[in-house]
Amino acid sequence: MGYISKLQVIRRGGSNRQYYLICPAPLAAALELKKGERLEWVVRDRWTFEIRRRRADPERGRHE
């Protein structure tokens, strides 16, 4: 099953923009995502990107 998300843009001042892609709650729950978890976005081509979970650094107790 797929989930549809809408890209949101926040404009701050002249040309400053931030883009947000919301992860639906059922998808986040299925992936067991946690608040503050670091994710890496990898662009494969214009139509494909991957989101990778970063592994936690056990000595520092945080994600690298």
PDB file of N, CA and C in Angstrom:
ATOM      1  N   MET A   1       0.834  -1.172   0.000  1.00  0.00           N
ATOM      2  CA  MET A   1       0.000   0.000   0.000  1.00  0.00           C
ATOM      3  C   MET A   1       0.885   1.244   0.000  1.00  0.00           C
ATOM      4  N   GLY A   2       0.542   2.214  -0.794  1.00  0.00           N
ATOM      5  CA  GLY A   2       1.306   3.453  -0.853  1.00  0.00           C
ATOM      6  C   GLY A   2       0.646   4.550  -0.040  1.00  0.00           C
ATOM      7  N   TYR A   3       1.418   5.541   0.307  1.00  0.00           N
ATOM      8  CA  TYR A   3       0.925   6.716   1.023  1.00  0.00           C
ATOM      9  C   TYR A   3       1.240   7.945   0.198  1.00  0.00           C
ATOM     10  N   ILE A   4       0.265   8.804   0.032  1.00  0.00           N
ATOM     11  CA  ILE A   4       0.432  10.036  -0.712  1.00  0.00           C
ATOM     12  C   ILE A   4       0.778  11.156   0.269  1.00  0.00           C
ATOM     13  N   SER A   5       1.803  11.936  -0.054  1.00  0.00           N
ATOM     14  CA  SER A   5       2.189  13.097   0.745  1.00  0.00           C
ATOM     15  C   SER A   5       2.239  14.306  -0.161  1.00  0.00           C
ATOM     16  N   LYS A   6       2.008  15.449   0.420  1.00  0.00           N
ATOM     17  CA  LYS A   6       2.048  16.691  -0.332  1.00  0.00           C
ATOM     18  C   LYS A   6       3.267  17.489   0.115  1.00  0.00           C
ATOM     19  N   LEU A   7       4.034  17.986  -0.839  1.00  0.00           N
ATOM     20  CA  LEU A   7       5.193  18.802  -0.537  1.00  0.00           C
ATOM     21  C   LEU A   7       4.728  20.185  -0.118  1.00  0.00           C
ATOM     22  N   GLN A   8       5.218  20.662   1.012  1.00  0.00           N
ATOM     23  CA  GLN A   8       4.862  21.986   1.505  1.00  0.00           C
ATOM     24  C   GLN A   8       6.068  22.896   1.412  1.00  0.00           C
ATOM     25  N   VAL A   9       5.818  24.176   1.133  1.00  0.00           N
ATOM     26  CA  VAL A   9       6.885  25.163   1.038  1.00  0.00           C
ATOM     27  C   VAL A   9       6.572  26.298   2.001  1.00  0.00           C
ATOM     28  N   ILE A  10       7.576  26.680   2.792  1.00  0.00           N
ATOM     29  CA  ILE A  10       7.460  27.819   3.691  1.00  0.00           C
ATOM     30  C   ILE A  10       8.412  28.883   3.158  1.00  0.00           C
ATOM     31  N   ARG A  11       7.895  30.061   2.882  1.00  0.00           N
ATOM     32  CA  ARG A  11       8.732  31.168   2.393  1.00  0.00           C
ATOM     33  C   ARG A  11       9.069  32.074   3.563  1.00  0.00           C
ATOM     34  N   ARG A  12      10.334  32.341   3.733  1.00  0.00           N
ATOM     35  CA  ARG A  12      10.802  33.225   4.806  1.00  0.00           C
ATOM     36  C   ARG A  12      11.593  34.358   4.146  1.00  0.00           C
ATOM     37  N   GLY A  13      10.975  35.501   4.020  1.00  0.00           N
ATOM     38  CA  GLY A  13      11.657  36.624   3.390  1.00  0.00           C
ATOM     39  C   GLY A  13      11.666  36.474   1.877  1.00  0.00           C
ATOM     40  N   GLY A  14      12.590  37.159   1.216  1.00  0.00           N
ATOM     41  CA  GLY A  14      12.670  37.187  -0.238  1.00  0.00           C
ATOM     42  C   GLY A  14      12.751  35.835  -0.913  1.00  0.00           C
ATOM     43  N   SER A  15      13.933  35.275  -0.985  1.00  0.00           N
ATOM     44  CA  SER A  15      14.101  34.020  -1.725  1.00  0.00           C
ATOM     45  C   SER A  15      14.343  32.815  -0.809  1.00  0.00           C
ATOM     46  N   ASN A  16      14.295  33.012   0.505  1.00  0.00           N
ATOM     47  CA  ASN A  16      14.488  31.893   1.432  1.00  0.00           C
ATOM     48  C   ASN A  16      13.244  31.013   1.453  1.00  0.00           C
ATOM     49  N   ARG A  17      13.439  29.744   1.132  1.00  0.00           N
ATOM     50  CA  ARG A  17      12.345  28.777   1.150  1.00  0.00           C
ATOM     51  C   ARG A  17      12.814  27.514   1.843  1.00  0.00           C
ATOM     52  N   GLN A  18      11.898  26.894   2.542  1.00  0.00           N
ATOM     53  CA  GLN A  18      12.148  25.575   3.118  1.00  0.00           C
ATOM     54  C   GLN A  18      11.051  24.655   2.623  1.00  0.00           C
ATOM     55  N   TYR A  19      11.446  23.441   2.244  1.00  0.00           N
ATOM     56  CA  TYR A  19      10.502  22.452   1.738  1.00  0.00           C
ATOM     57  C   TYR A  19      10.318  21.370   2.794  1.00  0.00           C
ATOM     58  N   TYR A  20       9.082  20.956   2.984  1.00  0.00           N
ATOM     59  CA  TYR A  20       8.756  19.926   3.957  1.00  0.00           C
ATOM     60  C   TYR A  20       7.984  18.813   3.276  1.00  0.00           C
ATOM     61  N   LEU A  21       8.404  17.592   3.519  1.00  0.00           N
ATOM     62  CA  LEU A  21       7.689  16.418   3.037  1.00  0.00           C
ATOM     63  C   LEU A  21       7.245  15.651   4.283  1.00  0.00           C
ATOM     64  N   ILE A  22       5.958  15.578   4.483  1.00  0.00           N
ATOM     65  CA  ILE A  22       5.407  14.975   5.693  1.00  0.00           C
ATOM     66  C   ILE A  22       5.350  13.449   5.540  1.00  0.00           C
ATOM     67  N   CYS A  23       5.798  12.763   6.570  1.00  0.00           N
ATOM     68  CA  CYS A  23       5.701  11.304   6.613  1.00  0.00           C
ATOM     69  C   CYS A  23       4.398  10.949   7.334  1.00  0.00           C
ATOM     70  N   PRO A  24       3.471  10.267   6.666  1.00  0.00           N
ATOM     71  CA  PRO A  24       2.206   9.904   7.311  1.00  0.00           C
ATOM     72  C   PRO A  24       2.439   9.046   8.565  1.00  0.00           C
ATOM     73  N   ALA A  25       1.621   9.256   9.581  1.00  0.00           N
ATOM     74  CA  ALA A  25       1.776   8.554  10.859  1.00  0.00           C
ATOM     75  C   ALA A  25       1.787   7.029  10.717  1.00  0.00           C
ATOM     76  N   PRO A  26       0.920   6.412   9.888  1.00  0.00           N
ATOM     77  CA  PRO A  26       0.974   4.952   9.769  1.00  0.00           C
ATOM     78  C   PRO A  26       2.309   4.455   9.196  1.00  0.00           C
ATOM     79  N   LEU A  27       2.878   5.210   8.276  1.00  0.00           N
ATOM     80  CA  LEU A  27       4.169   4.830   7.699  1.00  0.00           C
ATOM     81  C   LEU A  27       5.277   4.978   8.738  1.00  0.00           C
ATOM     82  N   ALA A  28       5.274   6.085   9.481  1.00  0.00           N
ATOM     83  CA  ALA A  28       6.270   6.286  10.540  1.00  0.00           C
ATOM     84  C   ALA A  28       6.177   5.191  11.596  1.00  0.00           C
ATOM     85  N   ALA A  29       4.960   4.802  11.936  1.00  0.00           N
ATOM     86  CA  ALA A  29       4.773   3.732  12.923  1.00  0.00           C
ATOM     87  C   ALA A  29       5.288   2.396  12.391  1.00  0.00           C
ATOM     88  N   ALA A  30       5.008   2.107  11.125  1.00  0.00           N
ATOM     89  CA  ALA A  30       5.469   0.848  10.526  1.00  0.00           C
ATOM     90  C   ALA A  30       6.993   0.780  10.485  1.00  0.00           C
ATOM     91  N   LEU A  31       7.641   1.936  10.290  1.00  0.00           N
ATOM     92  CA  LEU A  31       9.103   2.000  10.240  1.00  0.00           C
ATOM     93  C   LEU A  31       9.721   2.175  11.622  1.00  0.00           C
ATOM     94  N   GLU A  32       8.875   2.337  12.642  1.00  0.00           N
ATOM     95  CA  GLU A  32       9.316   2.566  14.022  1.00  0.00           C
ATOM     96  C   GLU A  32      10.234   3.780  14.109  1.00  0.00           C
ATOM     97  N   LEU A  33       9.866   4.863  13.411  1.00  0.00           N
ATOM     98  CA  LEU A  33      10.644   6.095  13.470  1.00  0.00           C
ATOM     99  C   LEU A  33      10.445   6.757  14.821  1.00  0.00           C
ATOM    100  N   LYS A  34      11.488   7.376  15.333  1.00  0.00           N
ATOM    101  CA  LYS A  34      11.439   8.065  16.618  1.00  0.00           C
ATOM    102  C   LYS A  34      11.709   9.560  16.420  1.00  0.00           C
ATOM    103  N   LYS A  35      11.130  10.366  17.279  1.00  0.00           N
ATOM    104  CA  LYS A  35      11.349  11.807  17.234  1.00  0.00           C
ATOM    105  C   LYS A  35      12.844  12.115  17.349  1.00  0.00           C
ATOM    106  N   GLY A  36      13.336  12.987  16.474  1.00  0.00           N
ATOM    107  CA  GLY A  36      14.736  13.381  16.507  1.00  0.00           C
ATOM    108  C   GLY A  36      15.680  12.429  15.790  1.00  0.00           C
ATOM    109  N   GLU A  37      15.163  11.332  15.284  1.00  0.00           N
ATOM    110  CA  GLU A  37      16.005  10.370  14.578  1.00  0.00           C
ATOM    111  C   GLU A  37      16.569  11.006  13.309  1.00  0.00           C
ATOM    112  N   ARG A  38      17.832  10.737  13.018  1.00  0.00           N
ATOM    113  CA  ARG A  38      18.478  11.306  11.837  1.00  0.00           C
ATOM    114  C   ARG A  38      18.271  10.404  10.639  1.00  0.00           C
ATOM    115  N   LEU A  39      17.864  11.014   9.533  1.00  0.00           N
ATOM    116  CA  LEU A  39      17.632  10.297   8.287  1.00  0.00           C
ATOM    117  C   LEU A  39      18.469  10.941   7.198  1.00  0.00           C
ATOM    118  N   GLU A  40      18.913  10.140   6.262  1.00  0.00           N
ATOM    119  CA  GLU A  40      19.720  10.612   5.137  1.00  0.00           C
ATOM    120  C   GLU A  40      18.916  10.439   3.852  1.00  0.00           C
ATOM    121  N   TRP A  41      18.838  11.490   3.052  1.00  0.00           N
ATOM    122  CA  TRP A  41      18.140  11.439   1.764  1.00  0.00           C
ATOM    123  C   TRP A  41      19.175  11.268   0.676  1.00  0.00           C
ATOM    124  N   VAL A  42      18.986  10.266  -0.182  1.00  0.00           N
ATOM    125  CA  VAL A  42      19.897   9.987  -1.282  1.00  0.00           C
ATOM    126  C   VAL A  42      19.112  10.076  -2.592  1.00  0.00           C
ATOM    127  N   VAL A  43      19.566  10.947  -3.493  1.00  0.00           N
ATOM    128  CA  VAL A  43      18.892  11.117  -4.778  1.00  0.00           C
ATOM    129  C   VAL A  43      19.500  10.146  -5.787  1.00  0.00           C
ATOM    130  N   ARG A  44      18.679   9.256  -6.329  1.00  0.00           N
ATOM    131  CA  ARG A  44      19.122   8.300  -7.341  1.00  0.00           C
ATOM    132  C   ARG A  44      19.002   8.900  -8.736  1.00  0.00           C
ATOM    133  N   ASP A  45      17.879   9.522  -9.002  1.00  0.00           N
ATOM    134  CA  ASP A  45      17.651  10.239 -10.262  1.00  0.00           C
ATOM    135  C   ASP A  45      16.492  11.201 -10.005  1.00  0.00           C
ATOM    136  N   ARG A  46      16.016  11.836 -11.045  1.00  0.00           N
ATOM    137  CA  ARG A  46      14.965  12.841 -10.889  1.00  0.00           C
ATOM    138  C   ARG A  46      13.682  12.278 -10.286  1.00  0.00           C
ATOM    139  N   TRP A  47      13.441  11.009 -10.445  1.00  0.00           N
ATOM    140  CA  TRP A  47      12.196  10.390 -10.013  1.00  0.00           C
ATOM    141  C   TRP A  47      12.337   9.478  -8.797  1.00  0.00           C
ATOM    142  N   THR A  48      13.554   9.248  -8.346  1.00  0.00           N
ATOM    143  CA  THR A  48      13.777   8.274  -7.278  1.00  0.00           C
ATOM    144  C   THR A  48      14.713   8.813  -6.213  1.00  0.00           C
ATOM    145  N   PHE A  49      14.291   8.709  -4.963  1.00  0.00           N
ATOM    146  CA  PHE A  49      15.208   8.989  -3.862  1.00  0.00           C
ATOM    147  C   PHE A  49      14.961   7.986  -2.751  1.00  0.00           C
ATOM    148  N   GLU A  50      15.991   7.802  -1.937  1.00  0.00           N
ATOM    149  CA  GLU A  50      15.919   6.870  -0.812  1.00  0.00           C
ATOM    150  C   GLU A  50      16.053   7.665   0.479  1.00  0.00           C
ATOM    151  N   ILE A  51      15.397   7.187   1.493  1.00  0.00           N
ATOM    152  CA  ILE A  51      15.584   7.741   2.823  1.00  0.00           C
ATOM    153  C   ILE A  51      16.207   6.635   3.660  1.00  0.00           C
ATOM    154  N   ARG A  52      17.371   6.912   4.206  1.00  0.00           N
ATOM    155  CA  ARG A  52      18.092   5.897   4.988  1.00  0.00           C
ATOM    156  C   ARG A  52      18.160   6.317   6.451  1.00  0.00           C
ATOM    157  N   ARG A  53      17.940   5.349   7.300  1.00  0.00           N
ATOM    158  CA  ARG A  53      18.097   5.573   8.740  1.00  0.00           C
ATOM    159  C   ARG A  53      19.586   5.540   9.058  1.00  0.00           C
ATOM    160  N   ARG A  54      20.043   6.515   9.834  1.00  0.00           N
ATOM    161  CA  ARG A  54      21.447   6.541  10.257  1.00  0.00           C
ATOM    162  C   ARG A  54      21.624   5.649  11.478  1.00  0.00           C
ATOM    163  N   ARG A  55      22.717   4.936  11.523  1.00  0.00           N
ATOM    164  CA  ARG A  55      22.986   4.056  12.662  1.00  0.00           C
ATOM    165  C   ARG A  55      23.409   4.895  13.872  1.00  0.00           C
ATOM    166  N   ALA A  56      23.000   4.457  15.064  1.00  0.00           N
ATOM    167  CA  ALA A  56      23.371   5.157  16.290  1.00  0.00           C
ATOM    168  C   ALA A  56      24.820   4.849  16.623  1.00  0.00           C
ATOM    169  N   ASP A  57      25.527   5.847  17.131  1.00  0.00           N
ATOM    170  CA  ASP A  57      26.895   5.678  17.621  1.00  0.00           C
ATOM    171  C   ASP A  57      26.792   5.279  19.090  1.00  0.00           C
ATOM    172  N   PRO A  58      27.100   4.000  19.443  1.00  0.00           N
ATOM    173  CA  PRO A  58      26.878   3.518  20.815  1.00  0.00           C
ATOM    174  C   PRO A  58      27.699   4.283  21.857  1.00  0.00           C
ATOM    175  N   GLU A  59      28.885   4.801  21.483  1.00  0.00           N
ATOM    176  CA  GLU A  59      29.714   5.516  22.467  1.00  0.00           C
ATOM    177  C   GLU A  59      29.140   6.887  22.778  1.00  0.00           C
ATOM    178  N   ARG A  60      28.554   7.525  21.799  1.00  0.00           N
ATOM    179  CA  ARG A  60      28.035   8.878  22.006  1.00  0.00           C
ATOM    180  C   ARG A  60      26.545   8.879  22.330  1.00  0.00           C
ATOM    181  N   GLY A  61      25.861   7.746  22.078  1.00  0.00           N
ATOM    182  CA  GLY A  61      24.447   7.671  22.371  1.00  0.00           C
ATOM    183  C   GLY A  61      23.589   8.499  21.427  1.00  0.00           C
ATOM    184  N   ARG A  62      24.118   8.802  20.275  1.00  0.00           N
ATOM    185  CA  ARG A  62      23.329   9.564  19.306  1.00  0.00           C
ATOM    186  C   ARG A  62      23.587   9.022  17.906  1.00  0.00           C
ATOM    187  N   HIS A  63      22.792   9.468  16.971  1.00  0.00           N
ATOM    188  CA  HIS A  63      22.898   8.982  15.595  1.00  0.00           C
ATOM    189  C   HIS A  63      23.964   9.740  14.835  1.00  0.00           C
ATOM    190  N   GLU A  64      24.690   9.022  14.012  1.00  0.00           N
ATOM    191  CA  GLU A  64      25.726   9.619  13.157  1.00  0.00           C
ATOM    192  C   GLU A  64      25.265   9.610  11.723  1.00  0.00           C
TER     193      GLU A  64
END
